[in-house]
Amino acid sequence: MRAIFLDKDGTLVEDVPYNVNPGLIELTWHAGQALQLLQHMGYALFVVSNQSGVAKGLFTEAALNPVHQRLTELLAQYGVELSGFYYCPHCPDGVISRYAIPCTCRKPMPGMLYRAAHEHDIDLSQSWMIGDILHDVEAGRRAGCQTILIDNGNETEWKLSAQRTPHFKASDLYAAATIIAGMEIGPRAMGGMDSMIQQL
């Protein structure tokens, strides 16, 4: 199986810090169409999200269930289905002791991607990680994926290294999807593909 790993806040949905209110969750521009395209190409879609608000005592793990449900509802309008929703509740400077620990799942570590790969038989070398900060890029590279940085201004530190250098940059999730599609089917076919996706 090939997969697309998606950061949630700032990539798939508009970035509202520490939000678990389903009513405030909105997809980013053309995210639904982007995932239509990727799903049509045969990629399974997985959310991999750091949720340090759990460790910081801002909300519980249970509060993330309605978030997952809301994403499911929003994407269903486009005929898109998530194959998995993974999150890391840890943060070393948290206040809830059982979550305030170092871990291997909090991006830039690749633990969530490895777990998804193990549970769903994913070929990481044929998969992609898309996110809006370099921690996402590093997690993807550590897991052996190709990476795309959504360069929308959310990365502010720009601490670059070989592992934190994206394979590609894109302005938004739809642009990222067209990069992946263009590599697979070629630019000439993209015009027809765009028309088909609009009809799905």
Protein backbone atom coordinates (compact mmCIF):
# COMPACT_ATOMS: atom_id res chain seq x y z
CA MET A 1 0.00 0.00 0.00
CA ARG A 2 1.10 3.55 -0.77
CA ALA A 3 0.09 6.31 1.61
CA ILE A 4 -0.13 10.04 1.99
CA PHE A 5 0.61 11.17 5.54
CA LEU A 6 -1.01 14.52 6.30
CA ASP A 7 -0.33 16.94 9.08
CA LYS A 8 -3.65 18.22 10.39
CA ASP A 9 -3.45 21.82 11.62
CA GLY A 10 -2.31 24.25 8.96
CA THR A 11 -2.17 21.57 6.26
CA LEU A 12 -5.48 19.72 6.12
CA VAL A 13 -7.51 22.15 8.23
CA GLU A 14 -7.17 25.82 9.07
CA ASP A 15 -4.83 26.33 12.01
CA VAL A 16 -6.75 27.16 15.19
CA PRO A 17 -4.32 26.52 18.07
CA TYR A 18 -5.30 23.71 20.45
CA ASN A 19 -8.77 23.49 18.94
CA VAL A 20 -11.00 20.49 19.64
CA ASN A 21 -14.30 22.23 18.88
CA PRO A 22 -15.68 20.47 15.78
CA GLY A 23 -17.60 23.60 14.86
CA LEU A 24 -14.36 25.51 14.29
CA ILE A 25 -12.80 22.91 12.01
CA GLU A 26 -12.62 23.97 8.37
CA LEU A 27 -10.68 22.36 5.54
CA THR A 28 -7.94 24.42 3.97
CA TRP A 29 -8.43 25.78 0.45
CA HIS A 30 -9.28 22.95 -2.00
CA ALA A 31 -8.14 20.30 0.49
CA GLY A 32 -11.12 18.13 -0.40
CA GLN A 33 -10.28 18.24 -4.10
CA ALA A 34 -6.62 17.56 -3.30
CA LEU A 35 -7.47 14.39 -1.43
CA GLN A 36 -9.90 13.37 -4.17
CA LEU A 37 -7.00 13.45 -6.58
CA LEU A 38 -4.65 11.53 -4.31
CA GLN A 39 -7.27 8.92 -3.44
CA HIS A 40 -8.09 8.46 -7.13
CA MET A 41 -4.39 7.74 -7.71
CA GLY A 42 -4.59 4.89 -5.23
CA TYR A 43 -3.05 6.44 -2.15
CA ALA A 44 -4.42 5.66 1.31
CA LEU A 45 -4.79 8.82 3.40
CA PHE A 46 -3.60 9.15 6.99
CA VAL A 47 -3.61 12.07 9.42
CA VAL A 48 -0.55 12.22 11.69
CA SER A 49 -0.85 15.05 14.21
CA ASN A 50 1.02 16.28 17.27
CA GLN A 51 -1.57 17.03 19.97
CA SER A 52 0.46 18.42 22.86
CA GLY A 53 -2.69 20.01 24.28
CA VAL A 54 -3.34 16.64 25.94
CA ALA A 55 -0.03 16.74 27.81
CA LYS A 56 -0.58 20.41 28.65
CA GLY A 57 -3.97 19.65 30.22
CA LEU A 58 -5.92 21.72 27.70
CA PHE A 59 -8.11 18.81 26.60
CA THR A 60 -8.31 15.03 26.95
CA GLU A 61 -7.61 12.32 24.43
CA ALA A 62 -11.35 11.66 24.32
CA ALA A 63 -11.86 15.20 22.97
CA LEU A 64 -10.05 14.16 19.79
CA ASN A 65 -12.74 11.66 18.85
CA PRO A 66 -15.22 14.38 17.74
CA VAL A 67 -12.36 16.01 15.81
CA HIS A 68 -11.80 12.78 13.89
CA GLN A 69 -15.54 12.47 13.30
CA ARG A 70 -15.78 16.03 11.98
CA LEU A 71 -12.91 15.42 9.57
CA THR A 72 -14.66 12.26 8.39
CA GLU A 73 -17.84 14.22 7.73
CA LEU A 74 -16.11 17.06 5.91
CA LEU A 75 -14.14 14.74 3.64
CA ALA A 76 -17.13 12.51 2.94
CA GLN A 77 -18.64 15.44 1.03
CA TYR A 78 -15.84 14.88 -1.51
CA GLY A 79 -16.07 11.10 -1.50
CA VAL A 80 -12.81 10.96 0.44
CA GLU A 81 -12.13 8.48 3.23
CA LEU A 82 -9.32 8.58 5.78
CA SER A 83 -7.62 5.24 6.34
CA GLY A 84 -6.27 6.32 9.71
CA PHE A 85 -6.13 9.14 12.27
CA TYR A 86 -2.99 9.08 14.40
CA TYR A 87 -1.99 11.59 17.04
CA CYS A 88 0.74 12.03 19.61
CA PRO A 89 -0.52 13.26 23.01
CA HIS A 90 2.96 13.69 24.51
CA CYS A 91 5.05 16.76 25.24
CA PRO A 92 8.08 16.81 27.58
CA ASP A 93 7.05 20.16 29.12
CA GLY A 94 3.45 19.11 29.70
CA VAL A 95 1.69 19.16 33.07
CA ILE A 96 -0.06 15.77 32.93
CA SER A 97 2.66 13.44 34.15
CA ARG A 98 1.82 10.37 32.09
CA TYR A 99 1.98 12.44 28.90
CA ALA A 100 4.87 14.74 29.87
CA ILE A 101 7.53 12.40 28.53
CA PRO A 102 9.95 12.13 25.63
CA CYS A 103 8.57 9.78 22.99
CA THR A 104 9.20 8.45 19.51
CA CYS A 105 5.80 9.47 18.11
CA ARG A 106 5.95 13.25 18.45
CA LYS A 107 7.08 14.77 15.17
CA PRO A 108 9.89 15.27 14.12
CA MET A 109 10.20 11.64 15.26
CA PRO A 110 8.63 9.17 12.83
CA GLY A 111 6.77 6.93 15.29
CA MET A 112 3.26 7.66 14.00
CA LEU A 113 4.31 6.87 10.44
CA TYR A 114 6.00 3.64 11.52
CA ARG A 115 2.94 2.60 13.48
CA ALA A 116 0.64 3.24 10.53
CA ALA A 117 3.01 1.37 8.22
CA HIS A 118 3.02 -1.64 10.56
CA GLU A 119 -0.74 -1.66 11.03
CA HIS A 120 -1.64 -1.13 7.37
CA ASP A 121 1.25 -2.75 5.50
CA ILE A 122 2.41 0.54 3.98
CA ASP A 123 5.47 0.83 1.75
CA LEU A 124 7.04 3.95 3.22
CA SER A 125 9.47 4.31 0.32
CA GLN A 126 6.47 4.77 -2.00
CA SER A 127 4.67 7.17 0.34
CA TRP A 128 4.62 10.90 1.04
CA MET A 129 4.53 13.15 4.09
CA ILE A 130 2.89 16.56 3.62
CA GLY A 131 3.02 19.22 6.32
CA ASP A 132 3.44 22.92 6.99
CA ILE A 133 6.51 22.90 9.24
CA LEU A 134 9.95 21.29 9.04
CA HIS A 135 9.14 18.87 11.88
CA ASP A 136 6.74 17.24 9.41
CA VAL A 137 9.44 17.07 6.78
CA GLU A 138 11.92 15.53 9.21
CA ALA A 139 9.41 12.91 10.37
CA GLY A 140 8.75 11.97 6.75
CA ARG A 141 12.42 11.77 5.83
CA ARG A 142 13.24 9.70 8.94
CA ALA A 143 10.53 7.25 7.87
CA GLY A 144 11.90 7.06 4.33
CA CYS A 145 9.05 8.97 2.64
CA GLN A 146 9.20 11.70 0.07
CA THR A 147 8.19 15.03 1.56
CA ILE A 148 6.38 18.22 0.63
CA LEU A 149 6.42 21.37 2.75
CA ILE A 150 3.30 23.52 2.57
CA ASP A 151 5.09 26.87 2.60
CA ASN A 152 2.29 28.98 4.08
CA GLY A 153 4.22 30.93 6.70
CA ASN A 154 3.68 28.54 9.63
CA GLU A 155 7.34 27.53 9.73
CA THR A 156 9.15 30.38 11.49
CA GLU A 157 12.47 28.93 12.71
CA TRP A 158 13.83 27.40 9.48
CA LYS A 159 16.42 25.24 11.25
CA LEU A 160 17.55 23.38 8.16
CA SER A 161 19.53 20.17 7.85
CA ALA A 162 19.58 17.32 5.36
CA GLN A 163 16.68 15.65 7.19
CA ARG A 164 14.72 18.90 7.37
CA THR A 165 15.01 19.81 3.69
CA PRO A 166 11.78 19.01 1.82
CA HIS A 167 11.87 17.23 -1.50
CA PHE A 168 9.33 19.78 -2.76
CA LYS A 169 7.53 22.93 -1.60
CA ALA A 170 3.93 23.85 -2.39
CA SER A 171 1.68 26.78 -1.56
CA ASP A 172 -1.22 24.60 -0.37
CA LEU A 173 -2.45 21.03 -0.22
CA TYR A 174 -3.94 21.07 -3.72
CA ALA A 175 -0.64 22.28 -5.16
CA ALA A 176 1.09 19.45 -3.28
CA ALA A 177 -1.34 16.92 -4.75
CA THR A 178 -0.68 18.17 -8.27
CA ILE A 179 3.07 17.80 -7.73
CA ILE A 180 2.58 14.15 -6.81
CA ALA A 181 0.17 13.59 -9.69
CA GLY A 182 2.45 15.33 -12.14
CA MET A 183 5.33 13.04 -11.21
CA GLU A 184 3.18 9.97 -11.78
CA ILE A 185 1.04 10.77 -14.79
CA GLY A 186 2.92 13.64 -16.38
CA PRO A 187 1.91 17.27 -16.91
CA ARG A 188 0.02 16.62 -20.18
CA ALA A 189 -2.45 14.34 -18.42
CA MET A 190 -3.06 16.74 -15.54
CA GLY A 191 -5.59 18.86 -17.45
CA GLY A 192 -7.83 15.89 -18.03
CA MET A 193 -7.31 14.67 -14.49
CA ASP A 194 -8.38 18.08 -13.09
CA SER A 195 -11.62 17.92 -15.06
CA MET A 196 -12.31 14.39 -13.88
CA ILE A 197 -11.69 15.26 -10.23
CA GLN A 198 -14.15 18.11 -10.39
CA GLN A 199 -16.81 15.62 -11.45
CA LEU A 200 -16.11 13.06 -8.72
